[in-house]
N, C-alpha and C. Protein backbone atom coordinates (compact mmCIF):
# COMPACT_ATOMS: atom_id res chain seq x y z
N UNK A 1 113.41 30.18 -87.65
CA UNK A 1 114.33 31.21 -87.22
C UNK A 1 113.48 32.08 -86.27
N UNK A 2 114.09 32.33 -85.07
CA UNK A 2 113.50 32.67 -84.09
C UNK A 2 114.00 34.54 -84.11
N UNK A 3 113.14 35.33 -83.13
CA UNK A 3 113.99 36.63 -83.15
C UNK A 3 114.92 36.62 -82.49
N UNK A 4 115.31 36.03 -81.53
CA UNK A 4 117.11 35.95 -80.84
C UNK A 4 117.60 35.97 -81.85
N UNK A 5 117.98 35.07 -82.71
CA UNK A 5 118.98 34.64 -83.87
C UNK A 5 118.96 35.45 -85.19
N UNK A 6 117.65 36.11 -85.51
CA UNK A 6 117.70 37.23 -86.27
C UNK A 6 117.99 38.11 -85.90
N UNK A 7 117.73 38.90 -84.76
CA UNK A 7 118.37 39.89 -84.08
C UNK A 7 119.95 40.01 -84.18
N UNK A 8 120.69 38.89 -83.38
CA UNK A 8 121.80 38.50 -83.50
C UNK A 8 122.82 38.80 -84.72
N UNK A 9 122.04 38.19 -85.92
CA UNK A 9 122.32 38.19 -87.21
C UNK A 9 122.32 39.73 -87.78
N UNK A 10 121.63 40.71 -87.11
CA UNK A 10 121.57 41.85 -87.73
C UNK A 10 122.56 42.33 -86.88
N UNK A 11 122.80 42.14 -86.06
CA UNK A 11 123.88 42.70 -85.33
C UNK A 11 125.50 42.57 -85.87
N UNK A 12 125.32 41.51 -86.17
CA UNK A 12 126.52 41.29 -86.94
C UNK A 12 126.85 42.01 -88.32
N UNK A 13 125.56 42.07 -88.86
CA UNK A 13 125.76 43.23 -90.03
C UNK A 13 126.19 44.54 -89.84
N UNK A 14 125.43 44.99 -88.88
CA UNK A 14 125.88 46.35 -88.35
C UNK A 14 127.06 46.69 -87.77
N UNK A 15 127.97 45.21 -86.74
CA UNK A 15 129.04 45.66 -86.55
C UNK A 15 129.95 45.41 -88.02
N UNK A 16 129.84 44.58 -89.04
CA UNK A 16 130.62 44.89 -90.33
C UNK A 16 130.76 46.34 -91.02
N UNK A 17 129.58 46.72 -90.83
CA UNK A 17 128.86 48.25 -90.97
C UNK A 17 129.75 49.16 -90.86
N UNK A 18 130.04 48.79 -89.20
CA UNK A 18 130.64 49.83 -88.43
C UNK A 18 132.00 49.70 -89.01
N UNK A 19 132.87 48.59 -88.74
CA UNK A 19 134.32 48.60 -88.77
C UNK A 19 134.28 49.23 -90.48
N UNK A 20 133.42 49.03 -91.59
CA UNK A 20 133.98 49.20 -92.50
C UNK A 20 133.94 50.76 -92.83
N UNK A 21 132.46 51.56 -92.04
CA UNK A 21 132.54 53.15 -92.29
C UNK A 21 134.21 53.55 -91.40
N UNK A 22 134.27 52.99 -90.34
CA UNK A 22 135.39 53.83 -89.55
C UNK A 22 136.82 53.51 -90.35
N UNK A 23 136.47 52.51 -90.86
CA UNK A 23 138.32 52.14 -91.93
C UNK A 23 138.43 52.74 -93.07
N UNK A 24 137.30 53.98 -93.67
CA UNK A 24 137.40 54.62 -94.83
C UNK A 24 137.94 55.80 -94.32
N UNK A 25 139.14 56.54 -94.70
CA UNK A 25 139.84 57.37 -94.63
C UNK A 25 139.32 58.67 -95.73
N UNK A 26 138.92 58.20 -96.61
CA UNK A 26 138.43 59.35 -97.55
C UNK A 26 137.18 58.38 -98.11
N UNK A 27 136.35 59.49 -98.89
CA UNK A 27 135.26 59.03 -99.41
C UNK A 27 135.47 58.43 -100.97
N UNK A 28 135.09 57.27 -101.04
CA UNK A 28 135.54 56.50 -102.36
C UNK A 28 134.65 57.21 -103.50
N UNK A 29 135.40 56.96 -104.66
CA UNK A 29 134.50 57.25 -105.97
C UNK A 29 133.27 56.02 -105.82
N UNK A 30 132.14 56.88 -106.09
CA UNK A 30 131.35 55.83 -106.97
C UNK A 30 130.92 55.13 -107.91
N UNK A 31 131.91 54.19 -108.11
CA UNK A 31 131.54 53.63 -109.23
C UNK A 31 130.56 52.32 -109.43
N UNK A 32 130.65 51.48 -110.73
CA UNK A 32 129.48 50.82 -111.09
C UNK A 32 130.20 49.41 -110.29
N UNK A 33 131.46 49.16 -110.38
CA UNK A 33 132.42 48.01 -110.15
C UNK A 33 132.05 47.57 -108.28
N UNK A 34 132.22 49.05 -107.64
CA UNK A 34 131.96 48.95 -106.49
C UNK A 34 130.39 48.52 -106.02
N UNK A 35 129.72 49.09 -106.73
CA UNK A 35 128.37 49.16 -106.48
C UNK A 35 128.03 47.63 -106.60
N UNK A 36 128.24 47.08 -107.52
CA UNK A 36 127.77 45.75 -108.39
C UNK A 36 128.35 44.53 -107.33
N UNK A 37 130.06 44.80 -107.27
CA UNK A 37 130.69 43.87 -106.33
C UNK A 37 130.80 43.88 -104.71
N UNK A 38 130.57 44.96 -104.12
CA UNK A 38 130.33 45.14 -102.57
C UNK A 38 129.16 45.60 -101.94
N UNK A 39 128.29 46.65 -102.82
CA UNK A 39 127.48 47.22 -101.81
C UNK A 39 126.42 46.38 -102.35
N UNK A 40 125.96 46.12 -103.18
CA UNK A 40 124.84 45.47 -103.72
C UNK A 40 124.42 44.12 -102.85
N UNK A 41 125.84 43.10 -103.10
CA UNK A 41 125.43 41.73 -102.28
C UNK A 41 125.31 42.23 -100.94
N UNK A 42 126.00 43.04 -100.22
CA UNK A 42 125.83 43.28 -98.71
C UNK A 42 124.26 44.08 -98.68
N UNK A 43 123.86 45.13 -99.65
CA UNK A 43 122.22 45.47 -99.06
C UNK A 43 121.61 44.41 -99.22
N UNK A 44 121.61 43.47 -100.42
CA UNK A 44 120.62 42.29 -100.30
C UNK A 44 120.73 41.48 -99.56
N UNK A 45 122.06 41.07 -98.79
CA UNK A 45 121.77 40.33 -97.85
C UNK A 45 121.12 40.95 -96.25
N UNK A 46 121.32 42.02 -96.19
CA UNK A 46 120.94 42.80 -94.82
C UNK A 46 119.49 43.01 -95.12
N UNK A 47 118.83 43.18 -96.50
CA UNK A 47 117.42 43.01 -96.64
C UNK A 47 116.85 41.58 -96.40
N UNK A 48 117.38 40.80 -97.01
CA UNK A 48 117.01 39.12 -96.50
C UNK A 48 116.64 39.12 -95.04
N UNK A 49 117.47 39.51 -94.52
CA UNK A 49 117.74 39.25 -92.66
C UNK A 49 116.51 40.21 -92.42
N UNK A 50 116.22 41.59 -93.02
CA UNK A 50 115.79 42.45 -92.04
C UNK A 50 114.31 41.98 -92.64
N UNK A 51 113.85 41.25 -93.72
CA UNK A 51 112.80 40.82 -93.96
C UNK A 51 112.28 39.74 -93.08
N UNK A 52 113.28 38.80 -92.55
CA UNK A 52 113.10 37.68 -91.91
C UNK A 52 112.30 38.37 -90.43
N UNK A 53 113.37 39.08 -89.87
CA UNK A 53 113.29 40.06 -88.86
C UNK A 53 112.06 40.54 -88.68
N UNK A 54 111.61 41.42 -89.54
CA UNK A 54 110.57 42.30 -89.56
C UNK A 54 109.10 41.53 -88.56
N UNK A 55 108.78 40.27 -89.26
CA UNK A 55 107.09 39.57 -88.82
C UNK A 55 107.90 39.39 -87.52
N UNK A 56 108.87 38.87 -87.15
CA UNK A 56 109.26 38.40 -85.93
C UNK A 56 109.20 39.58 -84.99
N UNK A 57 109.57 40.51 -85.10
CA UNK A 57 109.79 41.65 -83.85
C UNK A 57 108.37 42.35 -83.92
N UNK A 58 107.55 42.62 -85.29
CA UNK A 58 105.95 42.87 -84.94
C UNK A 58 105.52 41.97 -83.91
N UNK A 59 105.37 40.97 -84.50
CA UNK A 59 104.69 39.93 -83.31
C UNK A 59 104.91 39.75 -82.19
N UNK A 60 106.30 40.07 -81.39
CA UNK A 60 106.68 40.26 -80.37
C UNK A 60 106.18 41.31 -79.56
N UNK A 61 106.19 42.45 -80.65
CA UNK A 61 105.74 43.40 -79.53
C UNK A 61 104.32 43.50 -79.50
N UNK A 62 103.84 42.93 -80.47
CA UNK A 62 102.06 43.05 -80.45
C UNK A 62 101.72 41.76 -79.08
N UNK A 63 102.59 40.87 -79.10
CA UNK A 63 102.28 39.64 -77.79
C UNK A 63 102.87 40.35 -76.67
N UNK A 64 104.00 40.92 -76.58
CA UNK A 64 104.87 41.44 -75.49
C UNK A 64 104.23 42.65 -74.86
N UNK A 65 103.83 43.68 -75.91
CA UNK A 65 103.93 45.01 -75.18
C UNK A 65 104.59 45.31 -74.49
N UNK A 66 106.11 45.27 -74.83
CA UNK A 66 107.49 46.07 -74.29
C UNK A 66 107.34 47.42 -73.57
N UNK A 67 107.86 47.94 -72.60
CA UNK A 67 107.44 49.54 -72.57
C UNK A 67 108.08 50.48 -73.26
N UNK A 68 109.37 50.17 -73.90
CA UNK A 68 110.04 51.07 -74.42
C UNK A 68 110.21 50.56 -75.83
N UNK A 69 109.49 49.77 -76.60
CA UNK A 69 109.52 49.41 -77.95
C UNK A 69 107.83 49.16 -78.57
N UNK A 70 107.93 50.21 -79.81
CA UNK A 70 106.78 50.04 -80.06
C UNK A 70 107.03 49.82 -81.76
N UNK A 71 105.83 49.49 -82.18
CA UNK A 71 106.17 48.68 -83.49
C UNK A 71 106.31 49.88 -84.72
N UNK A 72 105.89 51.39 -84.60
CA UNK A 72 106.59 52.11 -85.37
C UNK A 72 108.40 52.41 -85.36
N UNK A 73 108.61 52.14 -84.12
CA UNK A 73 110.27 51.80 -84.05
C UNK A 73 110.80 50.64 -84.64
N UNK A 74 110.33 49.56 -84.93
CA UNK A 74 110.44 48.30 -86.21
C UNK A 74 110.71 48.99 -87.39
N UNK A 75 109.61 49.75 -87.74
CA UNK A 75 110.01 50.44 -89.36
C UNK A 75 111.46 51.33 -89.33
N UNK A 76 111.40 52.15 -88.23
CA UNK A 76 112.16 52.97 -88.42
C UNK A 76 113.65 51.89 -88.25
N UNK A 77 113.49 50.92 -87.49
CA UNK A 77 114.70 50.43 -87.19
C UNK A 77 115.30 49.58 -88.46
N UNK A 78 114.35 49.52 -89.30
CA UNK A 78 114.36 48.90 -90.79
C UNK A 78 114.78 49.82 -91.47
N UNK A 79 114.37 51.19 -91.78
CA UNK A 79 115.16 52.31 -92.50
C UNK A 79 116.72 52.68 -92.09
N UNK A 80 117.05 52.72 -90.97
CA UNK A 80 118.16 52.79 -90.50
C UNK A 80 119.15 51.73 -90.62
N UNK A 81 118.91 50.38 -90.89
CA UNK A 81 119.54 49.53 -90.84
C UNK A 81 120.15 49.87 -92.43
N UNK A 82 119.32 50.06 -93.29
CA UNK A 82 119.36 50.01 -94.99
C UNK A 82 120.32 50.96 -94.92
N UNK A 83 120.18 52.47 -94.26
CA UNK A 83 121.00 53.43 -94.20
C UNK A 83 122.38 53.28 -93.58
N UNK A 84 122.14 52.69 -92.64
CA UNK A 84 123.73 51.91 -92.54
C UNK A 84 124.68 51.30 -93.37
N UNK A 85 123.98 50.14 -93.89
CA UNK A 85 124.70 49.23 -94.91
C UNK A 85 124.96 50.40 -95.91
N UNK A 86 124.07 51.07 -96.89
CA UNK A 86 124.61 51.74 -97.68
C UNK A 86 125.57 53.24 -97.29
N UNK A 87 125.71 53.64 -96.04
CA UNK A 87 126.49 54.87 -95.83
C UNK A 87 127.72 54.24 -95.51
N UNK A 88 127.82 52.94 -94.97
CA UNK A 88 129.16 52.54 -94.57
C UNK A 88 130.05 52.26 -95.99
N UNK A 89 129.83 52.19 -97.14
CA UNK A 89 130.11 51.89 -98.29
C UNK A 89 130.69 53.36 -98.97
N UNK A 90 129.99 54.45 -98.76
CA UNK A 90 130.16 55.84 -99.26
C UNK A 90 130.62 56.56 -98.57
N UNK A 91 130.23 56.65 -97.14
CA UNK A 91 130.60 57.67 -96.46
C UNK A 91 130.08 59.13 -96.34
N UNK A 92 128.78 58.89 -97.24
CA UNK A 92 128.00 60.24 -97.49
C UNK A 92 127.50 61.26 -96.27
N UNK A 93 127.61 60.55 -95.26
CA UNK A 93 127.30 61.43 -93.79
C UNK A 93 128.36 61.83 -92.96
N UNK A 94 128.01 62.42 -92.38
CA UNK A 94 129.00 62.62 -91.26
C UNK A 94 129.09 61.47 -90.07
N UNK A 95 130.20 61.56 -89.63
CA UNK A 95 130.53 60.15 -88.16
C UNK A 95 129.36 60.21 -87.31
N UNK A 96 128.94 61.72 -86.93
CA UNK A 96 128.07 61.74 -85.84
C UNK A 96 126.47 61.28 -86.45
N UNK A 97 125.93 61.48 -87.53
CA UNK A 97 124.96 61.17 -88.05
C UNK A 97 124.70 59.56 -87.89
N UNK A 98 125.93 58.96 -88.83
CA UNK A 98 126.31 57.46 -88.79
C UNK A 98 126.16 56.89 -87.42
N UNK A 99 126.56 57.34 -86.59
CA UNK A 99 127.07 56.57 -85.38
C UNK A 99 125.33 56.59 -84.40
N UNK A 100 124.92 57.82 -84.97
CA UNK A 100 123.52 58.39 -84.24
C UNK A 100 122.30 57.11 -84.72
N UNK A 101 122.51 56.93 -86.04
CA UNK A 101 121.78 55.54 -86.48
C UNK A 101 122.19 54.40 -85.92
N UNK A 102 123.57 54.11 -86.17
CA UNK A 102 123.58 52.55 -85.43
C UNK A 102 123.33 52.40 -83.85
N UNK A 103 123.59 53.65 -82.94
CA UNK A 103 123.19 53.65 -81.63
C UNK A 103 121.66 53.06 -81.64
N UNK A 104 120.64 53.98 -82.61
CA UNK A 104 119.53 53.57 -82.51
C UNK A 104 119.08 52.34 -83.15
N UNK A 105 119.61 51.87 -83.43
CA UNK A 105 119.60 50.64 -84.27
C UNK A 105 119.46 49.61 -83.09
N UNK A 106 121.03 49.56 -82.41
CA UNK A 106 121.57 48.94 -81.61
C UNK A 106 120.75 49.06 -80.29
N UNK A 107 120.16 49.96 -79.91
CA UNK A 107 119.05 50.05 -78.98
C UNK A 107 117.63 49.07 -79.14
N UNK A 108 117.25 49.63 -80.16
CA UNK A 108 116.15 48.46 -80.40
C UNK A 108 116.31 46.85 -80.31
N UNK A 109 117.83 46.68 -81.02
CA UNK A 109 117.88 45.22 -80.88
C UNK A 109 118.19 44.69 -79.45
N UNK A 110 119.11 45.42 -78.84
CA UNK A 110 119.55 45.29 -77.86
C UNK A 110 118.52 45.37 -76.60
N UNK A 111 117.51 46.36 -76.66
CA UNK A 111 116.47 46.14 -75.99
C UNK A 111 115.19 44.86 -76.19
N UNK A 112 115.16 44.64 -77.23
CA UNK A 112 114.46 43.06 -77.51
C UNK A 112 114.94 41.82 -77.07
N UNK A 113 116.16 41.76 -77.12
CA UNK A 113 117.32 40.84 -76.66
C UNK A 113 117.20 40.75 -75.00
N UNK A 114 117.39 41.68 -74.80
CA UNK A 114 117.32 42.17 -73.24
C UNK A 114 115.90 41.73 -72.61
N UNK A 115 114.70 41.71 -73.16
CA UNK A 115 113.40 41.83 -73.01
C UNK A 115 113.12 40.51 -73.06
N UNK A 116 113.71 40.13 -73.76
CA UNK A 116 112.91 38.36 -73.86
C UNK A 116 114.26 37.24 -73.18
N UNK A 117 115.34 37.93 -72.80
CA UNK A 117 115.94 36.82 -71.69
C UNK A 117 115.41 37.09 -70.31
N UNK A 118 115.08 38.70 -69.94
CA UNK A 118 114.69 38.42 -68.77
C UNK A 118 113.34 37.89 -68.54
N UNK A 119 112.37 37.64 -69.80
CA UNK A 119 111.13 36.93 -69.62
C UNK A 119 111.77 35.53 -69.44
N UNK A 120 112.52 34.80 -69.77
CA UNK A 120 112.65 33.36 -70.21
C UNK A 120 113.13 32.77 -68.50
């Protein structure tokens, strides 16, 4: 798998999370059923995608030395994706914080895709 496909898959996961977060009107009860049926499978899927994306992104940053993306942002992006997935189910943070995390990840992924497309 290449970095473009991997980044686009992360975008799909992020969009699902954003839709879920915005559709929750009230904070759901944290039950084992919700965790094992919904949260855990989605979190594991996101983790798998992130683990495939990380080495590709790190290698790309090392090779291309983009102006606005640095290796530390790759780790931050991974942490933010994990938070977005979890928070999209529970809504434990306010809307602005969620959207800030989302925008941060979106910026990194979009920047990588734009740089790759410009260099081709």
